[in-house]
Amino acid sequence: MTVHHAAAEGYATTAGAFARGRPGYPPETSDWLRDVIALGPGKTVLEVGAGTGKFLPLLLATGAEVTALEPVGAMHAEMARRFPEIKTLRGTADRIGLPDASVDAVVCAQAFHWFATPEAVAEMRRVLRPGGVLGMIWNGRDEGVPWVAAMGAIIDPHESDAPRYQTGKWRQVFPAPGFTALDERHARNLHTGSPDDVILGRTLSISFIAVLPPERRAEIERQLRTLIEQRPELVGRAEISLPYDTLMVAVRKIG
């Protein structure tokens, strides 16, 4: 699998700031990892598309043995620096490099839409043990909130051909051979911090924004600062909360 140019180039330039600009995950995530993904001591889990390791603390907290796979060199290097205690791999979702039936779970946090292909799903099935679970989780901006919708209107025209969770195209690979649906749930999540972190940092860490020419990135930043300065919900605020809807989906390997 060829890594999409927006990911390969954009994430290579934003690796250092990536974690700061991204929201964490709601408390319900820990319940999902325990009750649906069935992680705990004695279990093994692979995170595919682990980035700089934003999701890894939640996986480590389960007590499971964690391995993380990331294709982008700069992201992998940052993750390995931050989490020297775990096994990290360079590779793509369709060439994982682990033996057959070697893990109890595969998790993709904020990543599955990048490699939602039959080949990648088949490879993740290959490394899962019988009865193992593939879990996918995303934080999606809640654009039912007017100022968040206005933020999206600034960002979305620049997406070009980059795969995005919001389109729902990743669902087209399901139902997938060898898997059965297991669980789907939502939780509310808030990213709280300064406008610079929550709005500007989040936007500038988006891969398809990071690969834009400097003058276009500067124009996006100008528009976002205007949004912050003019929206009544944001103006003059040292701290804001960007609302997200967190989606958790799980399928189980048959056999």
C-alpha atoms as a PDB file:
ATOM      1  CA  MET A   1       0.000   0.000   0.000  1.00  0.00           C
ATOM      2  CA  THR A   2       1.289   3.430  -0.926  1.00  0.00           C
ATOM      3  CA  VAL A   3       0.915   5.949   1.887  1.00  0.00           C
ATOM      4  CA  HIS A   4      -1.253   8.828   0.693  1.00  0.00           C
ATOM      5  CA  HIS A   5       0.873  11.875  -0.114  1.00  0.00           C
ATOM      6  CA  ALA A   6      -1.092  14.062   2.311  1.00  0.00           C
ATOM      7  CA  ALA A   7      -0.208  11.705   5.150  1.00  0.00           C
ATOM      8  CA  ALA A   8       3.363  11.019   4.066  1.00  0.00           C
ATOM      9  CA  GLU A   9       4.230  14.700   3.596  1.00  0.00           C
ATOM     10  CA  GLY A  10       1.836  16.420   5.987  1.00  0.00           C
ATOM     11  CA  TYR A  11       2.459  14.261   9.021  1.00  0.00           C
ATOM     12  CA  ALA A  12       6.188  14.292   8.389  1.00  0.00           C
ATOM     13  CA  THR A  13       6.172  18.066   8.921  1.00  0.00           C
ATOM     14  CA  THR A  14       3.768  18.145  11.903  1.00  0.00           C
ATOM     15  CA  ALA A  15       5.031  15.199  13.971  1.00  0.00           C
ATOM     16  CA  GLY A  16       6.384  17.350  16.795  1.00  0.00           C
ATOM     17  CA  ALA A  17       3.178  19.373  17.220  1.00  0.00           C
ATOM     18  CA  PHE A  18       0.713  16.621  16.328  1.00  0.00           C
ATOM     19  CA  ALA A  19      -0.141  15.449  19.843  1.00  0.00           C
ATOM     20  CA  ARG A  20      -0.567  18.980  21.214  1.00  0.00           C
ATOM     21  CA  GLY A  21      -3.122  19.908  18.582  1.00  0.00           C
ATOM     22  CA  ARG A  22      -5.240  16.783  18.894  1.00  0.00           C
ATOM     23  CA  PRO A  23      -7.987  16.047  21.424  1.00  0.00           C
ATOM     24  CA  GLY A  24      -7.737  13.187  23.856  1.00  0.00           C
ATOM     25  CA  TYR A  25     -10.458  10.563  24.209  1.00  0.00           C
ATOM     26  CA  PRO A  26     -13.510  10.446  26.493  1.00  0.00           C
ATOM     27  CA  PRO A  27     -13.659   8.253  29.630  1.00  0.00           C
ATOM     28  CA  GLU A  28     -15.981   5.829  27.817  1.00  0.00           C
ATOM     29  CA  THR A  29     -13.004   4.786  25.693  1.00  0.00           C
ATOM     30  CA  SER A  30     -11.495   2.841  28.588  1.00  0.00           C
ATOM     31  CA  ASP A  31     -14.779   0.960  29.047  1.00  0.00           C
ATOM     32  CA  TRP A  32     -14.846   0.157  25.329  1.00  0.00           C
ATOM     33  CA  LEU A  33     -11.282  -1.169  25.373  1.00  0.00           C
ATOM     34  CA  ARG A  34     -12.081  -3.375  28.359  1.00  0.00           C
ATOM     35  CA  ASP A  35     -15.610  -4.557  27.571  1.00  0.00           C
ATOM     36  CA  VAL A  36     -15.696  -4.685  23.763  1.00  0.00           C
ATOM     37  CA  ILE A  37     -12.089  -4.988  22.597  1.00  0.00           C
ATOM     38  CA  ALA A  38     -11.513  -7.264  25.637  1.00  0.00           C
ATOM     39  CA  LEU A  39      -8.069  -5.924  26.514  1.00  0.00           C
ATOM     40  CA  GLY A  40      -6.405  -6.665  29.810  1.00  0.00           C
ATOM     41  CA  PRO A  41      -3.356  -8.354  31.316  1.00  0.00           C
ATOM     42  CA  GLY A  42      -2.276 -11.330  29.261  1.00  0.00           C
ATOM     43  CA  LYS A  43      -3.740  -9.944  26.024  1.00  0.00           C
ATOM     44  CA  THR A  44      -1.846  -8.536  23.034  1.00  0.00           C
ATOM     45  CA  VAL A  45      -2.906  -5.559  20.939  1.00  0.00           C
ATOM     46  CA  LEU A  46      -1.534  -3.941  17.784  1.00  0.00           C
ATOM     47  CA  GLU A  47      -2.279  -0.300  16.995  1.00  0.00           C
ATOM     48  CA  VAL A  48      -2.167   0.330  13.248  1.00  0.00           C
ATOM     49  CA  GLY A  49      -1.426   3.899  12.187  1.00  0.00           C
ATOM     50  CA  ALA A  50      -0.297   4.863  15.675  1.00  0.00           C
ATOM     51  CA  GLY A  51       1.125   8.243  14.675  1.00  0.00           C
ATOM     52  CA  THR A  52       3.098   9.804  17.513  1.00  0.00           C
ATOM     53  CA  GLY A  53       1.340   7.635  20.092  1.00  0.00           C
ATOM     54  CA  LYS A  54      -1.636   9.767  21.157  1.00  0.00           C
ATOM     55  CA  PHE A  55      -3.728   6.641  21.852  1.00  0.00           C
ATOM     56  CA  LEU A  56      -0.976   4.501  23.357  1.00  0.00           C
ATOM     57  CA  PRO A  57      -1.445   5.558  27.024  1.00  0.00           C
ATOM     58  CA  LEU A  58      -5.007   4.229  26.890  1.00  0.00           C
ATOM     59  CA  LEU A  59      -3.820   0.912  25.466  1.00  0.00           C
ATOM     60  CA  LEU A  60      -1.014   0.631  28.020  1.00  0.00           C
ATOM     61  CA  ALA A  61      -3.465   1.353  30.840  1.00  0.00           C
ATOM     62  CA  THR A  62      -5.349  -1.848  29.991  1.00  0.00           C
ATOM     63  CA  GLY A  63      -2.349  -3.950  31.013  1.00  0.00           C
ATOM     64  CA  ALA A  64      -2.180  -5.585  27.593  1.00  0.00           C
ATOM     65  CA  GLU A  65       1.078  -6.058  25.688  1.00  0.00           C
ATOM     66  CA  VAL A  66       1.159  -3.287  23.068  1.00  0.00           C
ATOM     67  CA  THR A  67       2.785  -3.119  19.635  1.00  0.00           C
ATOM     68  CA  ALA A  68       2.453  -0.011  17.441  1.00  0.00           C
ATOM     69  CA  LEU A  69       2.749   0.229  13.648  1.00  0.00           C
ATOM     70  CA  GLU A  70       3.327   3.533  11.824  1.00  0.00           C
ATOM     71  CA  PRO A  71       4.401   4.122   8.192  1.00  0.00           C
ATOM     72  CA  VAL A  72       5.537   7.769   8.337  1.00  0.00           C
ATOM     73  CA  GLY A  73       9.169   7.988   9.455  1.00  0.00           C
ATOM     74  CA  ALA A  74       8.942  11.240  11.421  1.00  0.00           C
ATOM     75  CA  MET A  75       5.824  10.085  13.251  1.00  0.00           C
ATOM     76  CA  HIS A  76       7.372   6.701  14.029  1.00  0.00           C
ATOM     77  CA  ALA A  77      10.539   8.338  15.360  1.00  0.00           C
ATOM     78  CA  GLU A  78       8.535  10.652  17.634  1.00  0.00           C
ATOM     79  CA  MET A  79       6.460   7.727  18.913  1.00  0.00           C
ATOM     80  CA  ALA A  80       9.530   5.578  19.588  1.00  0.00           C
ATOM     81  CA  ARG A  81      11.114   8.471  21.492  1.00  0.00           C
ATOM     82  CA  ARG A  82       8.028   9.020  23.636  1.00  0.00           C
ATOM     83  CA  PHE A  83       7.292   5.327  24.278  1.00  0.00           C
ATOM     84  CA  PRO A  84      10.588   3.436  24.463  1.00  0.00           C
ATOM     85  CA  GLU A  85       8.913   0.685  26.503  1.00  0.00           C
ATOM     86  CA  ILE A  86       6.790  -0.643  23.633  1.00  0.00           C
ATOM     87  CA  LYS A  87       7.595  -2.472  20.417  1.00  0.00           C
ATOM     88  CA  THR A  88       7.212  -0.188  17.400  1.00  0.00           C
ATOM     89  CA  LEU A  89       7.164  -1.186  13.738  1.00  0.00           C
ATOM     90  CA  ARG A  90       7.519   0.679  10.448  1.00  0.00           C
ATOM     91  CA  GLY A  91       5.023  -0.634   7.966  1.00  0.00           C
ATOM     92  CA  THR A  92       1.666  -0.212   6.270  1.00  0.00           C
ATOM     93  CA  ALA A  93      -1.730  -1.673   7.100  1.00  0.00           C
ATOM     94  CA  ASP A  94      -1.540  -4.178   4.244  1.00  0.00           C
ATOM     95  CA  ARG A  95       1.995  -5.315   5.189  1.00  0.00           C
ATOM     96  CA  ILE A  96       2.080  -5.485   8.943  1.00  0.00           C
ATOM     97  CA  GLY A  97       5.039  -7.806   9.362  1.00  0.00           C
ATOM     98  CA  LEU A  98       3.703  -9.894  12.252  1.00  0.00           C
ATOM     99  CA  PRO A  99       2.991 -13.644  12.167  1.00  0.00           C
ATOM    100  CA  ASP A 100      -0.435 -15.099  11.478  1.00  0.00           C
ATOM    101  CA  ALA A 101      -2.827 -15.136  14.443  1.00  0.00           C
ATOM    102  CA  SER A 102      -0.348 -13.311  16.686  1.00  0.00           C
ATOM    103  CA  VAL A 103      -2.508 -10.658  18.422  1.00  0.00           C
ATOM    104  CA  ASP A 104      -5.815 -10.616  20.282  1.00  0.00           C
ATOM    105  CA  ALA A 105      -6.859  -7.200  19.003  1.00  0.00           C
ATOM    106  CA  VAL A 106      -6.058  -4.603  16.375  1.00  0.00           C
ATOM    107  CA  VAL A 107      -6.977  -0.989  17.097  1.00  0.00           C
ATOM    108  CA  CYS A 108      -6.966   1.968  14.712  1.00  0.00           C
ATOM    109  CA  ALA A 109      -7.304   5.335  16.450  1.00  0.00           C
ATOM    110  CA  GLN A 110      -8.089   8.258  14.154  1.00  0.00           C
ATOM    111  CA  ALA A 111      -6.518   6.316  11.301  1.00  0.00           C
ATOM    112  CA  PHE A 112      -8.633   3.603   9.652  1.00  0.00           C
ATOM    113  CA  HIS A 113     -10.001   5.902   6.921  1.00  0.00           C
ATOM    114  CA  TRP A 114      -6.453   6.226   5.523  1.00  0.00           C
ATOM    115  CA  PHE A 115      -6.268   2.499   4.705  1.00  0.00           C
ATOM    116  CA  ALA A 116      -9.890   1.341   4.414  1.00  0.00           C
ATOM    117  CA  THR A 117      -9.205  -1.191   1.663  1.00  0.00           C
ATOM    118  CA  PRO A 118     -10.042  -4.894   1.350  1.00  0.00           C
ATOM    119  CA  GLU A 119      -6.306  -5.672   1.323  1.00  0.00           C
ATOM    120  CA  ALA A 120      -5.640  -3.876   4.606  1.00  0.00           C
ATOM    121  CA  VAL A 121      -8.673  -5.407   6.304  1.00  0.00           C
ATOM    122  CA  ALA A 122      -7.567  -8.870   5.150  1.00  0.00           C
ATOM    123  CA  GLU A 123      -4.068  -8.259   6.541  1.00  0.00           C
ATOM    124  CA  MET A 124      -5.441  -7.162   9.900  1.00  0.00           C
ATOM    125  CA  ARG A 125      -7.622 -10.270   9.936  1.00  0.00           C
ATOM    126  CA  ARG A 126      -4.538 -12.377   9.208  1.00  0.00           C
ATOM    127  CA  VAL A 127      -2.667 -11.195  12.307  1.00  0.00           C
ATOM    128  CA  LEU A 128      -5.723 -11.552  14.571  1.00  0.00           C
ATOM    129  CA  ARG A 129      -6.326 -14.726  16.519  1.00  0.00           C
ATOM    130  CA  PRO A 130      -9.680 -16.475  16.002  1.00  0.00           C
ATOM    131  CA  GLY A 131     -12.289 -14.460  17.844  1.00  0.00           C
ATOM    132  CA  GLY A 132     -10.006 -11.425  17.906  1.00  0.00           C
ATOM    133  CA  VAL A 133     -11.395  -7.910  17.533  1.00  0.00           C
ATOM    134  CA  LEU A 134     -10.667  -5.047  15.148  1.00  0.00           C
ATOM    135  CA  GLY A 135     -11.579  -1.755  16.817  1.00  0.00           C
ATOM    136  CA  MET A 136     -11.766   1.666  15.168  1.00  0.00           C
ATOM    137  CA  ILE A 137     -12.197   4.984  16.963  1.00  0.00           C
ATOM    138  CA  TRP A 138     -12.463   8.583  15.772  1.00  0.00           C
ATOM    139  CA  ASN A 139     -13.011  12.018  17.226  1.00  0.00           C
ATOM    140  CA  GLY A 140     -15.242  13.915  14.793  1.00  0.00           C
ATOM    141  CA  ARG A 141     -15.947  17.620  15.238  1.00  0.00           C
ATOM    142  CA  ASP A 142     -19.524  18.289  16.354  1.00  0.00           C
ATOM    143  CA  GLU A 143     -20.609  20.653  13.613  1.00  0.00           C
ATOM    144  CA  GLY A 144     -24.067  20.948  15.097  1.00  0.00           C
ATOM    145  CA  VAL A 145     -22.416  23.751  17.084  1.00  0.00           C
ATOM    146  CA  PRO A 146     -22.458  26.861  14.842  1.00  0.00           C
ATOM    147  CA  TRP A 147     -18.917  28.089  15.489  1.00  0.00           C
ATOM    148  CA  VAL A 148     -17.555  24.576  14.911  1.00  0.00           C
ATOM    149  CA  ALA A 149     -19.428  24.458  11.602  1.00  0.00           C
ATOM    150  CA  ALA A 150     -17.850  27.817  10.707  1.00  0.00           C
ATOM    151  CA  MET A 151     -14.432  26.361  11.525  1.00  0.00           C
ATOM    152  CA  GLY A 152     -15.187  23.400   9.248  1.00  0.00           C
ATOM    153  CA  ALA A 153     -16.170  25.747   6.437  1.00  0.00           C
ATOM    154  CA  ILE A 154     -12.657  27.214   6.572  1.00  0.00           C
ATOM    155  CA  ILE A 155     -10.928  23.812   6.651  1.00  0.00           C
ATOM    156  CA  ASP A 156     -12.956  21.563   4.361  1.00  0.00           C
ATOM    157  CA  PRO A 157     -12.404  23.276   0.984  1.00  0.00           C
ATOM    158  CA  HIS A 158      -8.718  22.330   1.192  1.00  0.00           C
ATOM    159  CA  GLU A 159      -9.143  18.569   1.640  1.00  0.00           C
ATOM    160  CA  SER A 160      -8.520  17.720  -2.043  1.00  0.00           C
ATOM    161  CA  ASP A 161      -8.395  13.906  -2.395  1.00  0.00           C
ATOM    162  CA  ALA A 162      -7.307  13.147   1.181  1.00  0.00           C
ATOM    163  CA  PRO A 163      -9.372  10.335   2.768  1.00  0.00           C
ATOM    164  CA  ARG A 164     -11.471  11.661   5.649  1.00  0.00           C
ATOM    165  CA  TYR A 165     -13.425   9.973   8.394  1.00  0.00           C
ATOM    166  CA  GLN A 166     -16.290  12.458   7.990  1.00  0.00           C
ATOM    167  CA  THR A 167     -17.193  11.196   4.500  1.00  0.00           C
ATOM    168  CA  GLY A 168     -18.058   7.734   5.788  1.00  0.00           C
ATOM    169  CA  LYS A 169     -16.382   6.097   2.780  1.00  0.00           C
ATOM    170  CA  TRP A 170     -14.419   3.842   5.148  1.00  0.00           C
ATOM    171  CA  ARG A 171     -17.673   1.993   5.836  1.00  0.00           C
ATOM    172  CA  GLN A 172     -17.708   0.641   2.281  1.00  0.00           C
ATOM    173  CA  VAL A 173     -15.235  -2.144   3.178  1.00  0.00           C
ATOM    174  CA  PHE A 174     -17.798  -3.646   5.586  1.00  0.00           C
ATOM    175  CA  PRO A 175     -19.183  -6.235   5.835  1.00  0.00           C
ATOM    176  CA  ALA A 176     -15.745  -7.741   5.254  1.00  0.00           C
ATOM    177  CA  PRO A 177     -14.905 -11.409   4.649  1.00  0.00           C
ATOM    178  CA  GLY A 178     -14.007 -13.183   7.878  1.00  0.00           C
ATOM    179  CA  PHE A 179     -15.496 -10.532  10.173  1.00  0.00           C
ATOM    180  CA  THR A 180     -18.831 -10.078  11.886  1.00  0.00           C
ATOM    181  CA  ALA A 181     -20.198  -6.835  13.340  1.00  0.00           C
ATOM    182  CA  LEU A 182     -19.720  -6.585  17.105  1.00  0.00           C
ATOM    183  CA  ASP A 183     -20.408  -3.100  18.467  1.00  0.00           C
ATOM    184  CA  GLU A 184     -20.910   0.558  17.560  1.00  0.00           C
ATOM    185  CA  ARG A 185     -21.263   3.411  20.060  1.00  0.00           C
ATOM    186  CA  HIS A 186     -20.832   7.158  20.467  1.00  0.00           C
ATOM    187  CA  ALA A 187     -19.563   9.364  23.286  1.00  0.00           C
ATOM    188  CA  ARG A 188     -19.284  13.117  23.722  1.00  0.00           C
ATOM    189  CA  ASN A 189     -15.791  14.528  24.024  1.00  0.00           C
ATOM    190  CA  LEU A 190     -14.370  17.995  24.676  1.00  0.00           C
ATOM    191  CA  HIS A 191     -10.964  19.370  23.732  1.00  0.00           C
ATOM    192  CA  THR A 192     -10.352  22.166  26.214  1.00  0.00           C
ATOM    193  CA  GLY A 193      -7.487  24.634  26.015  1.00  0.00           C
ATOM    194  CA  SER A 194      -6.429  27.940  24.538  1.00  0.00           C
ATOM    195  CA  PRO A 195      -7.861  28.947  21.151  1.00  0.00           C
ATOM    196  CA  ASP A 196      -4.330  28.692  19.746  1.00  0.00           C
ATOM    197  CA  ASP A 197      -4.129  25.009  20.722  1.00  0.00           C
ATOM    198  CA  VAL A 198      -7.731  23.926  20.214  1.00  0.00           C
ATOM    199  CA  ILE A 199      -8.471  25.732  16.943  1.00  0.00           C
ATOM    200  CA  LEU A 200      -5.191  26.806  15.341  1.00  0.00           C
ATOM    201  CA  GLY A 201      -3.028  23.917  16.527  1.00  0.00           C
ATOM    202  CA  ARG A 202      -5.674  21.366  15.625  1.00  0.00           C
ATOM    203  CA  THR A 203      -6.167  22.798  12.146  1.00  0.00           C
ATOM    204  CA  LEU A 204      -2.504  23.213  11.305  1.00  0.00           C
ATOM    205  CA  SER A 205      -1.842  19.580  12.333  1.00  0.00           C
ATOM    206  CA  ILE A 206      -4.274  18.315   9.677  1.00  0.00           C
ATOM    207  CA  SER A 207      -2.259  16.556   7.001  1.00  0.00           C
ATOM    208  CA  PHE A 208      -3.845  18.212   3.971  1.00  0.00           C
ATOM    209  CA  ILE A 209      -3.415  21.632   5.572  1.00  0.00           C
ATOM    210  CA  ALA A 210       0.230  20.982   6.445  1.00  0.00           C
ATOM    211  CA  VAL A 211       1.128  20.230   2.802  1.00  0.00           C
ATOM    212  CA  LEU A 212      -0.323  23.493   1.484  1.00  0.00           C
ATOM    213  CA  PRO A 213       2.017  26.286   0.324  1.00  0.00           C
ATOM    214  CA  PRO A 214       2.967  28.680   3.138  1.00  0.00           C
ATOM    215  CA  GLU A 215       0.832  31.509   1.802  1.00  0.00           C
ATOM    216  CA  ARG A 216      -2.309  29.340   1.800  1.00  0.00           C
ATOM    217  CA  ARG A 217      -1.621  28.120   5.336  1.00  0.00           C
ATOM    218  CA  ALA A 218      -1.163  31.734   6.403  1.00  0.00           C
ATOM    219  CA  GLU A 219      -4.532  32.635   4.863  1.00  0.00           C
ATOM    220  CA  ILE A 220      -6.235  29.769   6.720  1.00  0.00           C
ATOM    221  CA  GLU A 221      -4.649  30.930   9.956  1.00  0.00           C
ATOM    222  CA  ARG A 222      -5.861  34.481   9.267  1.00  0.00           C
ATOM    223  CA  GLN A 223      -9.419  33.252   8.714  1.00  0.00           C
ATOM    224  CA  LEU A 224      -9.334  31.196  11.909  1.00  0.00           C
ATOM    225  CA  ARG A 225      -8.043  34.151  13.940  1.00  0.00           C
ATOM    226  CA  THR A 226     -10.870  36.259  12.518  1.00  0.00           C
ATOM    227  CA  LEU A 227     -13.294  33.545  13.617  1.00  0.00           C
ATOM    228  CA  ILE A 228     -11.846  33.609  17.141  1.00  0.00           C
ATOM    229  CA  GLU A 229     -11.991  37.398  17.294  1.00  0.00           C
ATOM    230  CA  GLN A 230     -15.554  37.734  15.988  1.00  0.00           C
ATOM    231  CA  ARG A 231     -17.602  34.819  17.325  1.00  0.00           C
ATOM    232  CA  PRO A 232     -19.304  35.737  20.628  1.00  0.00           C
ATOM    233  CA  GLU A 233     -18.621  32.221  21.992  1.00  0.00           C
ATOM    234  CA  LEU A 234     -14.862  32.658  21.426  1.00  0.00           C
ATOM    235  CA  VAL A 235     -13.881  36.310  21.600  1.00  0.00           C
ATOM    236  CA  GLY A 236     -11.725  37.226  24.578  1.00  0.00           C
ATOM    237  CA  ARG A 237     -11.683  33.679  25.939  1.00  0.00           C
ATOM    238  CA  ALA A 238      -8.419  32.337  27.361  1.00  0.00           C
ATOM    239  CA  GLU A 239      -9.874  28.819  27.326  1.00  0.00           C
ATOM    240  CA  ILE A 240     -12.455  27.208  25.074  1.00  0.00           C
ATOM    241  CA  SER A 241     -13.855  23.710  24.530  1.00  0.00           C
ATOM    242  CA  LEU A 242     -14.173  22.239  21.060  1.00  0.00           C
ATOM    243  CA  PRO A 243     -16.903  19.551  21.124  1.00  0.00           C
ATOM    244  CA  TYR A 244     -16.359  16.215  19.423  1.00  0.00           C
ATOM    245  CA  ASP A 245     -18.516  13.182  18.799  1.00  0.00           C
ATOM    246  CA  THR A 246     -16.367  10.106  19.401  1.00  0.00           C
ATOM    247  CA  LEU A 247     -17.344   7.053  17.351  1.00  0.00           C
ATOM    248  CA  MET A 248     -16.213   3.563  18.388  1.00  0.00           C
ATOM    249  CA  VAL A 249     -16.758   0.616  16.026  1.00  0.00           C
ATOM    250  CA  ALA A 250     -15.719  -3.015  16.500  1.00  0.00           C
ATOM    251  CA  VAL A 251     -15.879  -6.164  14.365  1.00  0.00           C
ATOM    252  CA  ARG A 252     -14.875  -9.690  15.392  1.00  0.00           C
ATOM    253  CA  LYS A 253     -12.844 -12.232  13.439  1.00  0.00           C
ATOM    254  CA  ILE A 254     -14.892 -15.315  12.644  1.00  0.00           C
ATOM    255  CA  GLY A 255     -13.424 -18.743  13.269  1.00  0.00           C
END
